[in-house]
Amino acid sequence: RMKNAGYGIVEKNGERFLSSVPLLNSNAFSDNYQLRTPFKANIGMAVFFAKKGFLSADIEYLAYTGTKLSTTANDQYLADDLNYYTQKVSQDLKNVFNVKVGGEYRINAISLRAGVNYQPDPYSFNFDQGSSTINRSTLAYSSGVGFRTRDFYIDVTGLYATTSQAYSPYVLNNRELYPSAKIDNSYIKGVVSFGIFF
């Protein structure tokens, strides 16, 4: 069957290998669809301590289940396909609250800053088997120091974040038969900014 399709096959030591692959012709494919991104709402609060500093907190609501794919094209097959993926998104994801808390304390011309950002796992089901459940939420810590005068300012900020995920190179009917690798991600970022007042 493969030879008829233009594939070349070589047999060696009782095993078969592809020796050549035919040139495939394809036509350009264009589509017309719309994506409605998740609804997002944010509320925040800050408490100031005269000129010594402040504490702030933000809660962000993300309605992932409201994501929608649609089309205005007269194509029922495309409309059914997009409707299927819209339902999958609403089933596989859940609405979440992201939380950010931070503060700053000033000592004369020096400002000290710190913050935490928590983003929970948006999936509505457990990918993993048994006791190997992976926490896919993201936790980020930031800290910084700033120096400000009437003429210039300089700020140094660092960010450290951690999250986990799993990678499966292929999928079989029985999930217990194919391998998955747990990947623990962490990264550090640094930013230095400088400005002059004039």
N, C-alpha and C. Protein backbone atom coordinates (compact mmCIF):
# COMPACT_ATOMS: atom_id res chain seq x y z
N ARG A 1 0.83 -1.20 0.00
CA ARG A 1 0.00 0.00 0.00
C ARG A 1 0.86 1.25 0.00
N MET A 2 1.93 1.23 0.79
CA MET A 2 2.79 2.40 0.85
C MET A 2 3.55 2.59 -0.46
N LYS A 3 3.94 1.44 -1.12
CA LYS A 3 4.64 1.57 -2.40
C LYS A 3 3.74 2.22 -3.45
N ASN A 4 2.47 1.87 -3.45
CA ASN A 4 1.54 2.46 -4.40
C ASN A 4 1.38 3.96 -4.18
N ALA A 5 1.54 4.38 -2.93
CA ALA A 5 1.41 5.80 -2.62
C ALA A 5 2.68 6.57 -2.92
N GLY A 6 3.73 5.89 -3.38
CA GLY A 6 4.95 6.58 -3.74
C GLY A 6 6.05 6.49 -2.70
N TYR A 7 5.82 5.78 -1.60
CA TYR A 7 6.85 5.61 -0.58
C TYR A 7 7.81 4.50 -0.98
N GLY A 8 9.10 4.68 -0.71
CA GLY A 8 10.08 3.64 -0.94
C GLY A 8 10.35 2.86 0.33
N ILE A 9 10.39 1.55 0.25
CA ILE A 9 10.59 0.71 1.43
C ILE A 9 11.77 -0.22 1.20
N VAL A 10 12.65 -0.31 2.19
CA VAL A 10 13.81 -1.19 2.14
C VAL A 10 13.69 -2.18 3.28
N GLU A 11 13.93 -3.46 2.98
CA GLU A 11 13.92 -4.49 4.02
C GLU A 11 15.34 -4.89 4.33
N LYS A 12 15.66 -4.91 5.64
CA LYS A 12 17.00 -5.27 6.09
C LYS A 12 16.90 -6.02 7.41
N ASN A 13 17.48 -7.22 7.45
CA ASN A 13 17.46 -8.05 8.64
C ASN A 13 16.04 -8.28 9.15
N GLY A 14 15.12 -8.46 8.23
CA GLY A 14 13.75 -8.76 8.61
C GLY A 14 12.94 -7.55 9.03
N GLU A 15 13.51 -6.34 8.97
CA GLU A 15 12.79 -5.13 9.34
C GLU A 15 12.63 -4.24 8.12
N ARG A 16 11.57 -3.46 8.10
CA ARG A 16 11.26 -2.59 6.97
C ARG A 16 11.51 -1.13 7.35
N PHE A 17 12.13 -0.39 6.43
CA PHE A 17 12.46 1.01 6.66
C PHE A 17 12.00 1.83 5.46
N LEU A 18 11.64 3.07 5.70
CA LEU A 18 11.32 4.00 4.62
C LEU A 18 12.62 4.50 4.01
N SER A 19 12.72 4.40 2.69
CA SER A 19 13.91 4.90 2.01
C SER A 19 13.64 6.21 1.28
N SER A 20 12.39 6.46 0.95
CA SER A 20 12.06 7.73 0.27
C SER A 20 10.60 8.07 0.54
N VAL A 21 10.34 9.35 0.52
CA VAL A 21 8.99 9.86 0.77
C VAL A 21 8.59 10.71 -0.42
N PRO A 22 7.39 10.52 -0.96
CA PRO A 22 6.99 11.29 -2.15
C PRO A 22 6.76 12.76 -1.82
N LEU A 23 6.91 13.58 -2.86
CA LEU A 23 6.62 15.01 -2.73
C LEU A 23 5.11 15.20 -2.71
N LEU A 24 4.63 15.82 -1.65
CA LEU A 24 3.20 16.00 -1.48
C LEU A 24 2.80 17.41 -1.90
N ASN A 25 1.77 17.50 -2.68
CA ASN A 25 1.24 18.81 -3.09
C ASN A 25 0.08 19.19 -2.18
N SER A 26 0.05 20.43 -1.78
CA SER A 26 -1.04 20.88 -0.92
C SER A 26 -1.48 22.27 -1.35
N ASN A 27 -2.75 22.50 -1.22
CA ASN A 27 -3.30 23.81 -1.54
C ASN A 27 -3.37 24.67 -0.28
N ALA A 28 -3.20 25.97 -0.45
CA ALA A 28 -3.30 26.88 0.68
C ALA A 28 -4.70 26.81 1.27
N PHE A 29 -4.76 26.83 2.60
CA PHE A 29 -6.04 26.74 3.30
C PHE A 29 -6.25 28.00 4.11
N SER A 30 -7.38 28.63 3.92
CA SER A 30 -7.70 29.82 4.71
C SER A 30 -9.02 29.59 5.43
N ASP A 31 -9.15 30.23 6.58
CA ASP A 31 -10.34 30.05 7.39
C ASP A 31 -10.73 31.39 8.00
N ASN A 32 -11.97 31.47 8.43
CA ASN A 32 -12.48 32.69 9.03
C ASN A 32 -13.21 32.32 10.31
N TYR A 33 -12.63 32.71 11.44
CA TYR A 33 -13.27 32.42 12.72
C TYR A 33 -12.97 33.53 13.72
N GLN A 34 -13.76 33.58 14.77
CA GLN A 34 -13.59 34.58 15.82
C GLN A 34 -13.29 33.88 17.15
N LEU A 35 -12.46 34.51 17.94
CA LEU A 35 -12.11 34.00 19.27
C LEU A 35 -12.52 35.02 20.31
N ARG A 36 -13.39 34.61 21.24
CA ARG A 36 -13.73 35.47 22.38
C ARG A 36 -12.88 35.02 23.56
N THR A 37 -11.98 35.89 23.97
CA THR A 37 -11.05 35.56 25.04
C THR A 37 -11.77 35.59 26.40
N PRO A 38 -11.16 34.98 27.42
CA PRO A 38 -11.83 34.92 28.73
C PRO A 38 -12.11 36.30 29.32
N PHE A 39 -13.27 36.42 29.96
CA PHE A 39 -13.61 37.64 30.70
C PHE A 39 -12.64 37.81 31.86
N LYS A 40 -12.21 39.05 32.08
CA LYS A 40 -11.25 39.32 33.15
C LYS A 40 -11.73 40.52 33.96
N ALA A 41 -11.70 40.38 35.28
CA ALA A 41 -12.06 41.48 36.18
C ALA A 41 -11.01 41.57 37.28
N ASN A 42 -10.70 42.78 37.69
CA ASN A 42 -9.64 42.99 38.67
C ASN A 42 -10.11 43.98 39.73
N ILE A 43 -9.81 43.68 40.97
CA ILE A 43 -10.11 44.60 42.07
C ILE A 43 -8.87 44.67 42.96
N GLY A 44 -8.57 45.87 43.39
CA GLY A 44 -7.37 46.06 44.20
C GLY A 44 -7.59 47.02 45.35
N MET A 45 -6.69 46.96 46.31
CA MET A 45 -6.78 47.81 47.49
C MET A 45 -5.37 48.14 47.94
N ALA A 46 -5.16 49.33 48.43
CA ALA A 46 -3.85 49.74 48.92
C ALA A 46 -4.03 50.55 50.21
N VAL A 47 -3.10 50.34 51.12
CA VAL A 47 -3.08 51.09 52.38
C VAL A 47 -1.74 51.83 52.45
N PHE A 48 -1.80 53.15 52.60
CA PHE A 48 -0.59 53.95 52.64
C PHE A 48 -0.28 54.36 54.07
N PHE A 49 1.00 54.35 54.40
CA PHE A 49 1.47 54.74 55.73
C PHE A 49 2.25 56.04 55.60
N ALA A 50 1.47 57.14 55.52
CA ALA A 50 2.06 58.47 55.32
C ALA A 50 3.04 58.40 54.16
N LYS A 51 4.28 58.80 54.36
CA LYS A 51 5.29 58.73 53.31
C LYS A 51 6.27 57.60 53.53
N LYS A 52 5.94 56.69 54.44
CA LYS A 52 6.84 55.59 54.76
C LYS A 52 6.68 54.38 53.85
N GLY A 53 5.50 54.22 53.21
CA GLY A 53 5.31 53.07 52.34
C GLY A 53 3.86 52.69 52.20
N PHE A 54 3.62 51.51 51.69
CA PHE A 54 2.25 51.06 51.47
C PHE A 54 2.22 49.53 51.36
N LEU A 55 1.00 48.99 51.53
CA LEU A 55 0.71 47.59 51.27
C LEU A 55 -0.42 47.54 50.25
N SER A 56 -0.34 46.63 49.30
CA SER A 56 -1.39 46.53 48.28
C SER A 56 -1.75 45.07 48.04
N ALA A 57 -2.99 44.86 47.62
CA ALA A 57 -3.47 43.52 47.29
C ALA A 57 -4.39 43.62 46.08
N ASP A 58 -4.24 42.68 45.15
CA ASP A 58 -5.07 42.64 43.94
C ASP A 58 -5.62 41.22 43.77
N ILE A 59 -6.89 41.14 43.40
CA ILE A 59 -7.51 39.86 43.06
C ILE A 59 -8.02 39.98 41.63
N GLU A 60 -7.58 39.04 40.80
CA GLU A 60 -7.96 39.03 39.39
C GLU A 60 -8.81 37.80 39.10
N TYR A 61 -9.97 38.02 38.53
CA TYR A 61 -10.88 36.92 38.19
C TYR A 61 -10.78 36.64 36.70
N LEU A 62 -10.50 35.37 36.34
CA LEU A 62 -10.41 34.97 34.95
C LEU A 62 -11.45 33.90 34.66
N ALA A 63 -12.39 34.20 33.76
CA ALA A 63 -13.47 33.26 33.43
C ALA A 63 -13.08 32.46 32.18
N TYR A 64 -12.22 31.47 32.37
CA TYR A 64 -11.76 30.66 31.23
C TYR A 64 -12.92 29.93 30.55
N THR A 65 -13.95 29.57 31.31
CA THR A 65 -15.06 28.81 30.72
C THR A 65 -15.87 29.64 29.73
N GLY A 66 -15.66 30.95 29.70
CA GLY A 66 -16.36 31.81 28.76
C GLY A 66 -15.66 31.95 27.41
N THR A 67 -14.53 31.27 27.24
CA THR A 67 -13.82 31.30 25.96
C THR A 67 -14.70 30.70 24.87
N LYS A 68 -14.76 31.34 23.73
CA LYS A 68 -15.65 30.86 22.66
C LYS A 68 -15.02 31.04 21.29
N LEU A 69 -15.13 29.99 20.47
CA LEU A 69 -14.74 30.04 19.07
C LEU A 69 -15.99 30.00 18.22
N SER A 70 -16.08 30.87 17.23
CA SER A 70 -17.25 30.92 16.37
C SER A 70 -16.83 31.38 14.98
N THR A 71 -17.77 31.30 14.04
CA THR A 71 -17.50 31.74 12.68
C THR A 71 -18.74 32.37 12.07
N THR A 72 -18.51 33.32 11.17
CA THR A 72 -19.60 33.91 10.40
C THR A 72 -19.67 33.32 9.00
N ALA A 73 -18.72 32.41 8.68
CA ALA A 73 -18.71 31.78 7.36
C ALA A 73 -19.86 30.78 7.25
N ASN A 74 -20.33 30.61 6.04
CA ASN A 74 -21.41 29.66 5.77
C ASN A 74 -20.82 28.26 5.59
N ASP A 75 -20.30 27.72 6.70
CA ASP A 75 -19.63 26.42 6.69
C ASP A 75 -20.05 25.66 7.94
N GLN A 76 -21.00 24.76 7.80
CA GLN A 76 -21.53 24.04 8.95
C GLN A 76 -20.47 23.13 9.58
N TYR A 77 -19.61 22.54 8.74
CA TYR A 77 -18.56 21.68 9.27
C TYR A 77 -17.63 22.47 10.18
N LEU A 78 -17.21 23.66 9.73
CA LEU A 78 -16.35 24.52 10.54
C LEU A 78 -17.07 24.96 11.81
N ALA A 79 -18.34 25.33 11.69
CA ALA A 79 -19.10 25.76 12.87
C ALA A 79 -19.20 24.64 13.90
N ASP A 80 -19.45 23.41 13.45
CA ASP A 80 -19.53 22.27 14.38
C ASP A 80 -18.18 22.01 15.03
N ASP A 81 -17.10 22.14 14.24
CA ASP A 81 -15.76 21.92 14.77
C ASP A 81 -15.41 22.95 15.84
N LEU A 82 -15.70 24.21 15.58
CA LEU A 82 -15.42 25.27 16.55
C LEU A 82 -16.29 25.11 17.79
N ASN A 83 -17.53 24.68 17.62
CA ASN A 83 -18.41 24.46 18.76
C ASN A 83 -17.87 23.33 19.64
N TYR A 84 -17.31 22.30 19.01
CA TYR A 84 -16.72 21.19 19.77
C TYR A 84 -15.57 21.69 20.65
N TYR A 85 -14.68 22.51 20.08
CA TYR A 85 -13.54 23.01 20.85
C TYR A 85 -13.99 24.01 21.93
N THR A 86 -15.03 24.76 21.66
CA THR A 86 -15.57 25.65 22.69
C THR A 86 -16.07 24.85 23.89
N GLN A 87 -16.77 23.74 23.62
CA GLN A 87 -17.25 22.89 24.71
C GLN A 87 -16.09 22.24 25.45
N LYS A 88 -15.04 21.83 24.72
CA LYS A 88 -13.88 21.22 25.37
C LYS A 88 -13.21 22.20 26.32
N VAL A 89 -13.08 23.45 25.90
CA VAL A 89 -12.46 24.47 26.76
C VAL A 89 -13.28 24.66 28.02
N SER A 90 -14.61 24.76 27.88
CA SER A 90 -15.47 24.98 29.04
C SER A 90 -15.49 23.77 29.97
N GLN A 91 -15.26 22.57 29.43
CA GLN A 91 -15.21 21.37 30.27
C GLN A 91 -13.86 21.19 30.95
N ASP A 92 -12.78 21.48 30.21
CA ASP A 92 -11.43 21.18 30.71
C ASP A 92 -10.85 22.28 31.58
N LEU A 93 -11.36 23.51 31.47
CA LEU A 93 -10.84 24.61 32.26
C LEU A 93 -11.88 25.09 33.26
N LYS A 94 -11.43 25.80 34.26
CA LYS A 94 -12.32 26.36 35.27
C LYS A 94 -11.96 27.83 35.48
N ASN A 95 -12.87 28.56 36.07
CA ASN A 95 -12.62 29.96 36.39
C ASN A 95 -11.75 30.05 37.63
N VAL A 96 -10.81 31.00 37.65
CA VAL A 96 -9.85 31.08 38.74
C VAL A 96 -9.71 32.51 39.25
N PHE A 97 -9.15 32.62 40.45
CA PHE A 97 -8.80 33.90 41.05
C PHE A 97 -7.28 33.95 41.22
N ASN A 98 -6.64 34.91 40.56
CA ASN A 98 -5.21 35.15 40.76
C ASN A 98 -5.06 36.20 41.86
N VAL A 99 -4.08 35.99 42.73
CA VAL A 99 -3.90 36.88 43.89
C VAL A 99 -2.49 37.47 43.87
N LYS A 100 -2.43 38.79 44.05
CA LYS A 100 -1.14 39.49 44.13
C LYS A 100 -1.11 40.33 45.41
N VAL A 101 -0.03 40.21 46.15
CA VAL A 101 0.14 40.99 47.39
C VAL A 101 1.55 41.57 47.36
N GLY A 102 1.67 42.84 47.69
CA GLY A 102 2.98 43.47 47.68
C GLY A 102 3.03 44.67 48.59
N GLY A 103 4.23 45.17 48.75
CA GLY A 103 4.41 46.33 49.62
C GLY A 103 5.73 47.03 49.37
N GLU A 104 5.80 48.25 49.89
CA GLU A 104 7.02 49.04 49.77
C GLU A 104 7.25 49.79 51.08
N TYR A 105 8.52 49.88 51.48
CA TYR A 105 8.88 50.62 52.68
C TYR A 105 10.03 51.57 52.34
N ARG A 106 9.86 52.84 52.71
CA ARG A 106 10.86 53.84 52.36
C ARG A 106 11.69 54.24 53.58
N ILE A 107 12.99 54.30 53.35
CA ILE A 107 13.93 54.79 54.36
C ILE A 107 14.72 55.92 53.71
N ASN A 108 14.27 57.13 53.97
CA ASN A 108 14.87 58.30 53.32
C ASN A 108 14.78 58.15 51.80
N ALA A 109 15.92 58.07 51.10
CA ALA A 109 15.91 58.00 49.63
C ALA A 109 15.87 56.56 49.12
N ILE A 110 15.84 55.59 50.02
CA ILE A 110 15.87 54.18 49.62
C ILE A 110 14.48 53.57 49.80
N SER A 111 14.05 52.79 48.81
CA SER A 111 12.76 52.10 48.86
C SER A 111 13.01 50.60 48.78
N LEU A 112 12.40 49.85 49.70
CA LEU A 112 12.49 48.40 49.70
C LEU A 112 11.13 47.83 49.29
N ARG A 113 11.12 46.88 48.35
CA ARG A 113 9.86 46.34 47.83
C ARG A 113 9.88 44.81 47.86
N ALA A 114 8.68 44.24 48.02
CA ALA A 114 8.54 42.78 47.97
C ALA A 114 7.11 42.45 47.56
N GLY A 115 6.92 41.30 46.90
CA GLY A 115 5.58 40.90 46.48
C GLY A 115 5.48 39.42 46.20
N VAL A 116 4.24 38.93 46.19
CA VAL A 116 3.95 37.52 45.89
C VAL A 116 2.79 37.49 44.90
N ASN A 117 2.88 36.61 43.91
CA ASN A 117 1.83 36.45 42.90
C ASN A 117 1.48 34.96 42.81
N TYR A 118 0.22 34.62 43.08
CA TYR A 118 -0.22 33.22 43.03
C TYR A 118 -1.26 33.05 41.93
N GLN A 119 -0.99 32.14 40.99
CA GLN A 119 -1.91 31.83 39.90
C GLN A 119 -2.28 30.35 39.99
N PRO A 120 -3.50 30.02 40.39
CA PRO A 120 -3.88 28.62 40.57
C PRO A 120 -3.98 27.84 39.27
N ASP A 121 -3.98 26.53 39.39
CA ASP A 121 -4.11 25.62 38.25
C ASP A 121 -5.47 25.83 37.59
N PRO A 122 -5.53 26.18 36.30
CA PRO A 122 -6.82 26.45 35.66
C PRO A 122 -7.56 25.21 35.16
N TYR A 123 -6.93 24.03 35.23
CA TYR A 123 -7.57 22.83 34.70
C TYR A 123 -8.60 22.28 35.69
N SER A 124 -9.72 21.80 35.14
CA SER A 124 -10.82 21.34 35.98
C SER A 124 -10.75 19.85 36.29
N PHE A 125 -9.74 19.16 35.78
CA PHE A 125 -9.63 17.73 36.03
C PHE A 125 -8.18 17.37 36.30
N ASN A 126 -7.98 16.16 36.79
CA ASN A 126 -6.65 15.69 37.15
C ASN A 126 -6.05 14.91 35.98
N PHE A 127 -4.95 15.40 35.44
CA PHE A 127 -4.27 14.70 34.35
C PHE A 127 -3.58 13.43 34.83
N ASP A 128 -3.19 13.42 36.06
CA ASP A 128 -2.22 12.45 36.55
C ASP A 128 -2.90 11.26 37.21
N GLN A 129 -2.12 10.20 37.36
CA GLN A 129 -2.64 8.95 37.90
C GLN A 129 -2.26 8.79 39.37
N GLY A 130 -3.21 8.32 40.16
CA GLY A 130 -2.94 7.95 41.55
C GLY A 130 -2.38 9.08 42.37
N SER A 131 -1.28 8.78 43.07
CA SER A 131 -0.70 9.75 44.00
C SER A 131 0.29 10.69 43.32
N SER A 132 0.42 10.60 41.99
CA SER A 132 1.39 11.42 41.28
C SER A 132 0.79 12.75 40.81
N THR A 133 -0.23 13.24 41.51
CA THR A 133 -0.88 14.48 41.12
C THR A 133 0.12 15.64 41.14
N ILE A 134 0.12 16.42 40.08
CA ILE A 134 1.04 17.54 39.95
C ILE A 134 0.29 18.84 40.20
N ASN A 135 0.87 19.67 41.04
CA ASN A 135 0.29 20.99 41.30
C ASN A 135 0.77 21.93 40.21
N ARG A 136 -0.12 22.30 39.29
CA ARG A 136 0.24 23.12 38.14
C ARG A 136 0.05 24.62 38.39
N SER A 137 -0.15 25.02 39.61
CA SER A 137 -0.25 26.44 39.91
C SER A 137 1.13 27.09 39.82
N THR A 138 1.14 28.41 39.67
CA THR A 138 2.38 29.17 39.56
C THR A 138 2.50 30.11 40.76
N LEU A 139 3.67 30.11 41.37
CA LEU A 139 3.94 30.99 42.51
C LEU A 139 5.19 31.81 42.20
N ALA A 140 5.05 33.13 42.26
CA ALA A 140 6.16 34.02 41.92
C ALA A 140 6.43 34.97 43.08
N TYR A 141 7.71 35.14 43.38
CA TYR A 141 8.15 36.07 44.42
C TYR A 141 9.00 37.16 43.77
N SER A 142 8.81 38.38 44.22
CA SER A 142 9.63 39.47 43.70
C SER A 142 10.12 40.33 44.84
N SER A 143 11.27 40.93 44.64
CA SER A 143 11.81 41.87 45.62
C SER A 143 12.67 42.88 44.88
N GLY A 144 12.83 44.03 45.48
CA GLY A 144 13.61 45.05 44.82
C GLY A 144 14.02 46.17 45.76
N VAL A 145 14.93 46.97 45.27
CA VAL A 145 15.39 48.13 46.03
C VAL A 145 15.53 49.29 45.05
N GLY A 146 15.16 50.46 45.51
CA GLY A 146 15.26 51.65 44.68
C GLY A 146 15.93 52.79 45.41
N PHE A 147 16.61 53.63 44.67
CA PHE A 147 17.26 54.81 45.23
C PHE A 147 16.83 56.01 44.39
N ARG A 148 16.29 57.04 45.04
CA ARG A 148 15.73 58.18 44.32
C ARG A 148 16.21 59.48 44.95
N THR A 149 16.65 60.40 44.09
CA THR A 149 17.00 61.75 44.50
C THR A 149 16.20 62.74 43.65
N ARG A 150 16.46 64.02 43.81
CA ARG A 150 15.77 65.02 42.98
C ARG A 150 16.25 64.97 41.53
N ASP A 151 17.42 64.41 41.28
CA ASP A 151 18.01 64.43 39.95
C ASP A 151 17.86 63.11 39.19
N PHE A 152 17.86 61.99 39.89
CA PHE A 152 17.81 60.71 39.20
C PHE A 152 17.24 59.63 40.12
N TYR A 153 16.97 58.46 39.52
CA TYR A 153 16.55 57.29 40.30
C TYR A 153 17.16 56.04 39.67
N ILE A 154 17.31 55.01 40.49
CA ILE A 154 17.76 53.71 40.01
C ILE A 154 17.00 52.63 40.77
N ASP A 155 16.51 51.63 40.05
CA ASP A 155 15.75 50.54 40.65
C ASP A 155 16.34 49.20 40.21
N VAL A 156 16.41 48.28 41.16
CA VAL A 156 16.86 46.92 40.89
C VAL A 156 15.78 45.97 41.40
N THR A 157 15.27 45.09 40.53
CA THR A 157 14.19 44.17 40.89
C THR A 157 14.55 42.76 40.46
N GLY A 158 14.22 41.80 41.32
CA GLY A 158 14.43 40.38 41.01
C GLY A 158 13.12 39.61 41.15
N LEU A 159 12.94 38.59 40.29
CA LEU A 159 11.74 37.77 40.30
C LEU A 159 12.13 36.31 40.28
N TYR A 160 11.51 35.52 41.16
CA TYR A 160 11.71 34.07 41.18
C TYR A 160 10.35 33.40 41.11
N ALA A 161 10.16 32.49 40.16
CA ALA A 161 8.86 31.84 39.98
C ALA A 161 9.04 30.34 39.83
N THR A 162 8.05 29.57 40.29
CA THR A 162 8.07 28.11 40.18
C THR A 162 6.72 27.61 39.67
N THR A 163 6.77 26.55 38.88
CA THR A 163 5.56 25.87 38.43
C THR A 163 5.95 24.47 37.98
N SER A 164 4.98 23.58 37.89
CA SER A 164 5.23 22.19 37.48
C SER A 164 4.26 21.81 36.36
N GLN A 165 4.71 20.88 35.53
CA GLN A 165 3.87 20.36 34.46
C GLN A 165 4.35 18.96 34.10
N ALA A 166 3.62 18.30 33.22
CA ALA A 166 4.01 16.97 32.77
C ALA A 166 4.08 16.96 31.25
N TYR A 167 4.97 16.13 30.72
CA TYR A 167 5.12 16.00 29.27
C TYR A 167 5.02 14.53 28.88
N SER A 168 4.14 14.23 27.95
CA SER A 168 3.99 12.87 27.42
C SER A 168 4.33 12.90 25.94
N PRO A 169 5.37 12.15 25.50
CA PRO A 169 5.77 12.20 24.10
C PRO A 169 4.76 11.58 23.15
N TYR A 170 3.92 10.68 23.64
CA TYR A 170 2.88 10.08 22.80
C TYR A 170 1.74 9.61 23.70
N VAL A 171 0.60 9.30 23.09
CA VAL A 171 -0.60 8.93 23.83
C VAL A 171 -1.12 7.58 23.34
N LEU A 172 -1.50 6.72 24.27
CA LEU A 172 -2.11 5.43 23.95
C LEU A 172 -3.51 5.38 24.55
N ASN A 173 -4.28 4.37 24.17
CA ASN A 173 -5.64 4.24 24.70
C ASN A 173 -5.65 4.09 26.21
N ASN A 174 -4.68 3.34 26.74
CA ASN A 174 -4.57 3.14 28.19
C ASN A 174 -3.53 4.11 28.73
N ARG A 175 -3.94 5.06 29.54
CA ARG A 175 -3.03 6.09 30.04
C ARG A 175 -1.93 5.52 30.91
N GLU A 176 -2.14 4.32 31.49
CA GLU A 176 -1.12 3.73 32.36
C GLU A 176 0.04 3.14 31.57
N LEU A 177 -0.10 3.03 30.24
CA LEU A 177 0.92 2.37 29.44
C LEU A 177 1.91 3.33 28.80
N TYR A 178 1.62 4.62 28.76
CA TYR A 178 2.57 5.53 28.13
C TYR A 178 3.25 6.40 29.18
N PRO A 179 4.52 6.73 28.92
CA PRO A 179 5.31 7.44 29.93
C PRO A 179 5.02 8.94 29.95
N SER A 180 5.20 9.52 31.11
CA SER A 180 5.11 10.97 31.27
C SER A 180 6.26 11.43 32.15
N ALA A 181 6.79 12.58 31.82
CA ALA A 181 7.88 13.16 32.61
C ALA A 181 7.37 14.37 33.36
N LYS A 182 7.64 14.41 34.65
CA LYS A 182 7.28 15.59 35.44
C LYS A 182 8.38 16.63 35.28
N ILE A 183 7.98 17.85 34.94
CA ILE A 183 8.94 18.92 34.71
C ILE A 183 8.69 20.01 35.74
N ASP A 184 9.67 20.25 36.59
CA ASP A 184 9.60 21.33 37.57
C ASP A 184 10.34 22.54 37.00
N ASN A 185 9.60 23.58 36.71
CA ASN A 185 10.18 24.79 36.13
C ASN A 185 10.39 25.85 37.20
N SER A 186 11.51 26.49 37.14
CA SER A 186 11.77 27.66 37.99
C SER A 186 12.66 28.61 37.20
N TYR A 187 12.45 29.88 37.38
CA TYR A 187 13.26 30.84 36.66
C TYR A 187 13.46 32.10 37.51
N ILE A 188 14.54 32.76 37.20
CA ILE A 188 14.91 34.00 37.89
C ILE A 188 15.08 35.09 36.84
N LYS A 189 14.47 36.24 37.09
CA LYS A 189 14.62 37.38 36.19
C LYS A 189 15.08 38.59 37.00
N GLY A 190 15.84 39.42 36.36
CA GLY A 190 16.30 40.64 37.00
C GLY A 190 16.12 41.83 36.09
N VAL A 191 15.75 42.96 36.66
CA VAL A 191 15.54 44.20 35.88
C VAL A 191 16.22 45.35 36.60
N VAL A 192 16.98 46.13 35.85
CA VAL A 192 17.61 47.33 36.38
C VAL A 192 17.11 48.50 35.55
N SER A 193 16.59 49.51 36.20
CA SER A 193 16.12 50.70 35.49
C SER A 193 16.75 51.96 36.08
N PHE A 194 16.99 52.91 35.19
CA PHE A 194 17.64 54.16 35.60
C PHE A 194 16.98 55.31 34.88
N GLY A 195 16.77 56.41 35.59
CA GLY A 195 16.14 57.57 34.98
C GLY A 195 16.69 58.87 35.52
N ILE A 196 16.59 59.90 34.71
CA ILE A 196 17.07 61.23 35.08
C ILE A 196 15.91 62.21 34.99
N PHE A 197 15.72 63.03 36.01
CA PHE A 197 14.67 64.05 36.02
C PHE A 197 15.22 65.36 35.46
N PHE A 198 14.46 65.93 34.52
CA PHE A 198 14.88 67.24 33.99
C PHE A 198 13.67 68.03 33.55
